[in-house]
Amino acid sequence: MPERFNFAALLEMSDDRRVRAELMERVRTIFSGWAVSAAEVFLLGRDSSELLNWSDAASLRERNLSDSEILFVYFTGSKGQGNTVLSISKNSRATIYTVSLPDVELSTRADEISDLLSKFYLEISKLNIRCVVTAGAELEIDASSVDEVLSSASSLGSLVSFICCDRKGARNVAGFLLAEERGNNVLLRK
């Protein structure tokens, strides 16, 4: 049984700093059932790490991340749940936002997953950023483009169970069923 359920978004932009604060707030709002308030920020680098309280971490939240660094934002949970964690990493062409929820039962609630996935995708899309949002138990993505995520989603061993992307990208996905269409946005599920 998985311990965490993850939502991973790949944004086709290598430097997310201009939208990072806004996206962190949107993530907190979308996942408010699990992420009550930001508590700590942890920067993990190849050679060093730093942990600060949210109120003291402005410099970490605004940092230009290198390809070898990951920024973690820990949110206090509700109802005695563990922490919800937002991680932000980047590579030369993309930034990846992963929201890790301590709700192991979520994988059985497809309608709720679909709703959260769609909201996450729409909030990023409103900023005119091409993206793909995926969901699955223990899911992590490591890619440089939306097309790379979509083409690898159906590979053997992929933990991707749900995908939300634009209609153009959905044409390149094999092994998933169309669950819902909202304008140009398509929700797919295994």
Protein backbone atom coordinates (compact mmCIF):
# COMPACT_ATOMS: atom_id res chain seq x y z
CA MET A 1 0.00 0.00 0.00
CA PRO A 2 1.47 3.40 -0.94
CA GLU A 3 2.21 5.89 1.80
CA ARG A 4 1.59 9.06 -0.23
CA PHE A 5 -0.41 10.19 -3.23
CA ASN A 6 1.33 12.69 -5.50
CA PHE A 7 0.32 15.28 -8.07
CA ALA A 8 3.24 16.26 -10.33
CA ALA A 9 3.14 19.19 -12.74
CA LEU A 10 5.78 19.86 -15.37
CA LEU A 11 5.87 23.50 -16.44
CA GLU A 12 7.66 24.30 -19.68
CA MET A 13 9.73 27.12 -18.19
CA SER A 14 13.22 26.84 -16.80
CA ASP A 15 12.91 29.75 -14.35
CA ASP A 16 9.67 29.85 -12.38
CA ARG A 17 10.61 32.64 -9.95
CA ARG A 18 8.23 35.20 -11.48
CA VAL A 19 5.25 32.91 -10.73
CA ARG A 20 6.55 30.83 -7.81
CA ALA A 21 4.92 32.78 -4.94
CA GLU A 22 1.60 32.83 -6.75
CA LEU A 23 1.77 29.13 -7.60
CA MET A 24 2.66 28.20 -4.01
CA GLU A 25 -0.45 30.04 -2.81
CA ARG A 26 -2.59 28.40 -5.50
CA VAL A 27 -1.28 24.98 -4.47
CA ARG A 28 -2.18 25.72 -0.84
CA THR A 29 -5.68 26.78 -1.92
CA ILE A 30 -6.29 23.81 -4.24
CA PHE A 31 -5.09 21.30 -1.64
CA SER A 32 -6.52 23.16 1.37
CA GLY A 33 -8.06 19.96 2.73
CA TRP A 34 -4.51 18.77 3.40
CA ALA A 35 -2.34 21.92 3.34
CA VAL A 36 -3.57 24.29 6.03
CA SER A 37 -0.62 26.67 6.27
CA ALA A 38 3.02 26.75 5.21
CA ALA A 39 5.30 25.87 8.12
CA GLU A 40 8.86 25.27 6.89
CA VAL A 41 11.02 25.55 3.79
CA PHE A 42 13.89 23.15 3.16
CA LEU A 43 16.49 23.58 0.43
CA LEU A 44 18.33 20.40 -0.48
CA GLY A 45 21.44 20.82 -2.62
CA ARG A 46 24.20 18.53 -3.76
CA ASP A 47 26.65 19.88 -1.16
CA SER A 48 24.47 21.61 1.43
CA SER A 49 21.00 21.98 2.86
CA GLU A 50 19.07 24.59 4.81
CA LEU A 51 15.84 24.44 6.83
CA LEU A 52 13.98 27.61 7.86
CA ASN A 53 10.59 28.52 9.27
CA TRP A 54 8.24 29.87 6.61
CA SER A 55 8.42 33.42 7.97
CA ASP A 56 12.25 33.44 7.78
CA ALA A 57 12.57 31.74 4.39
CA ALA A 58 11.90 34.49 1.83
CA SER A 59 15.41 34.13 0.40
CA LEU A 60 14.92 30.38 -0.09
CA ARG A 61 11.45 30.79 -1.62
CA GLU A 62 12.83 33.30 -4.15
CA ARG A 63 16.05 31.43 -4.92
CA ASN A 64 17.08 30.68 -8.49
CA LEU A 65 17.33 26.91 -8.16
CA SER A 66 20.14 25.03 -9.83
CA ASP A 67 19.51 21.68 -11.52
CA SER A 68 20.94 19.94 -8.43
CA GLU A 69 18.70 21.67 -5.86
CA ILE A 70 15.18 20.88 -4.66
CA LEU A 71 13.04 23.29 -2.68
CA PHE A 72 10.55 21.68 -0.26
CA VAL A 73 7.67 23.55 1.36
CA TYR A 74 6.08 21.72 4.30
CA PHE A 75 2.44 22.53 5.04
CA THR A 76 0.74 21.66 8.30
CA GLY A 77 -1.99 19.13 7.77
CA SER A 78 -5.56 19.01 8.96
CA LYS A 79 -7.39 16.35 10.92
CA GLY A 80 -4.23 14.91 12.44
CA GLN A 81 -2.79 14.01 9.05
CA GLY A 82 0.91 14.27 8.33
CA ASN A 83 2.47 17.11 6.42
CA THR A 84 1.65 17.91 2.83
CA VAL A 85 4.85 18.62 0.92
CA LEU A 86 5.35 20.74 -2.17
CA SER A 87 8.67 20.14 -3.91
CA ILE A 88 10.04 22.33 -6.68
CA SER A 89 12.89 21.23 -8.91
CA LYS A 90 14.12 22.25 -12.33
CA ASN A 91 16.25 21.29 -15.25
CA SER A 92 17.48 23.26 -18.24
CA ARG A 93 14.03 23.38 -19.89
CA ALA A 94 11.36 22.80 -17.25
CA THR A 95 10.28 23.24 -13.66
CA ILE A 96 8.51 20.45 -11.79
CA TYR A 97 6.05 21.05 -8.95
CA THR A 98 5.12 17.93 -6.99
CA VAL A 99 2.46 17.97 -4.28
CA SER A 100 2.74 14.96 -1.99
CA LEU A 101 -0.32 14.23 0.15
CA PRO A 102 -0.30 11.99 3.24
CA ASP A 103 -3.70 10.58 2.21
CA VAL A 104 -3.20 6.95 1.21
CA GLU A 105 -6.95 6.49 0.73
CA LEU A 106 -7.10 9.16 -1.98
CA SER A 107 -6.16 6.62 -4.66
CA THR A 108 -9.64 5.08 -4.23
CA ARG A 109 -11.47 8.37 -4.85
CA ALA A 110 -11.18 8.95 -8.60
CA ASP A 111 -13.68 11.84 -8.71
CA GLU A 112 -11.75 13.77 -6.08
CA ILE A 113 -8.45 13.11 -7.86
CA SER A 114 -9.94 14.31 -11.14
CA ASP A 115 -11.22 17.50 -9.53
CA LEU A 116 -7.87 18.31 -7.87
CA LEU A 117 -5.92 17.45 -11.02
CA SER A 118 -8.11 19.70 -13.18
CA LYS A 119 -7.86 22.60 -10.74
CA PHE A 120 -4.07 22.29 -10.53
CA TYR A 121 -3.79 22.23 -14.33
CA LEU A 122 -6.15 25.18 -14.80
CA GLU A 123 -4.35 27.35 -12.23
CA ILE A 124 -1.04 26.85 -14.03
CA SER A 125 -2.64 27.33 -17.46
CA LYS A 126 -4.14 30.66 -16.36
CA LEU A 127 -0.56 31.93 -16.18
CA ASN A 128 -0.07 31.07 -19.89
CA ILE A 129 2.42 28.31 -19.14
CA ARG A 130 2.30 25.08 -21.13
CA CYS A 131 2.13 22.22 -18.65
CA VAL A 132 1.00 18.71 -17.92
CA VAL A 133 -0.27 17.55 -14.52
CA THR A 134 -0.12 13.91 -13.53
CA ALA A 135 -1.26 11.99 -10.48
CA GLY A 136 -0.46 8.63 -8.94
CA ALA A 137 0.62 6.85 -5.79
CA GLU A 138 4.29 7.56 -4.97
CA LEU A 139 4.60 9.30 -8.37
CA GLU A 140 7.64 11.34 -9.37
CA ILE A 141 8.41 12.69 -12.82
CA ASP A 142 11.79 13.47 -14.30
CA ALA A 143 11.41 15.00 -17.74
CA SER A 144 12.26 18.13 -19.72
CA SER A 145 9.04 18.69 -21.67
CA VAL A 146 5.31 18.09 -21.67
CA ASP A 147 5.70 15.77 -24.66
CA GLU A 148 8.33 13.70 -22.84
CA VAL A 149 6.01 13.20 -19.85
CA LEU A 150 3.10 12.24 -22.10
CA SER A 151 5.10 9.78 -24.21
CA SER A 152 6.52 8.03 -21.14
CA ALA A 153 3.26 7.88 -19.15
CA SER A 154 2.13 4.64 -20.73
CA SER A 155 5.47 2.85 -20.35
CA LEU A 156 5.68 -0.30 -18.31
CA GLY A 157 6.31 0.57 -14.70
CA SER A 158 4.98 4.13 -14.95
CA LEU A 159 3.20 5.21 -11.78
CA VAL A 160 1.05 7.75 -13.67
CA SER A 161 -2.66 6.98 -13.13
CA PHE A 162 -4.19 10.31 -14.23
CA ILE A 163 -3.13 13.02 -16.70
CA CYS A 164 -4.47 16.48 -17.39
CA CYS A 165 -3.11 18.23 -20.48
CA ASP A 166 -4.15 20.15 -23.58
CA ARG A 167 -6.03 18.41 -26.38
CA LYS A 168 -2.93 18.43 -28.63
CA GLY A 169 -0.83 16.60 -26.03
CA ALA A 170 -3.56 14.06 -25.31
CA ARG A 171 -3.26 12.70 -28.86
CA ASN A 172 0.21 11.38 -27.98
CA VAL A 173 -0.85 9.32 -24.96
CA ALA A 174 -1.45 5.58 -25.31
CA GLY A 175 -3.06 3.30 -22.75
CA PHE A 176 -5.28 5.94 -21.11
CA LEU A 177 -9.02 6.54 -21.39
CA LEU A 178 -10.66 9.90 -21.92
CA ALA A 179 -12.34 10.73 -18.61
CA GLU A 180 -13.38 14.33 -19.22
CA GLU A 181 -12.98 17.30 -21.56
CA ARG A 182 -13.20 20.92 -20.46
CA GLY A 183 -12.63 23.25 -23.40
CA ASN A 184 -9.08 22.59 -24.61
CA ASN A 185 -8.21 20.65 -21.42
CA VAL A 186 -8.37 16.86 -21.39
CA LEU A 187 -8.40 14.55 -18.37
CA LEU A 188 -7.16 11.00 -18.98
CA ARG A 189 -7.04 7.99 -16.68
CA LYS A 190 -5.56 4.49 -16.85
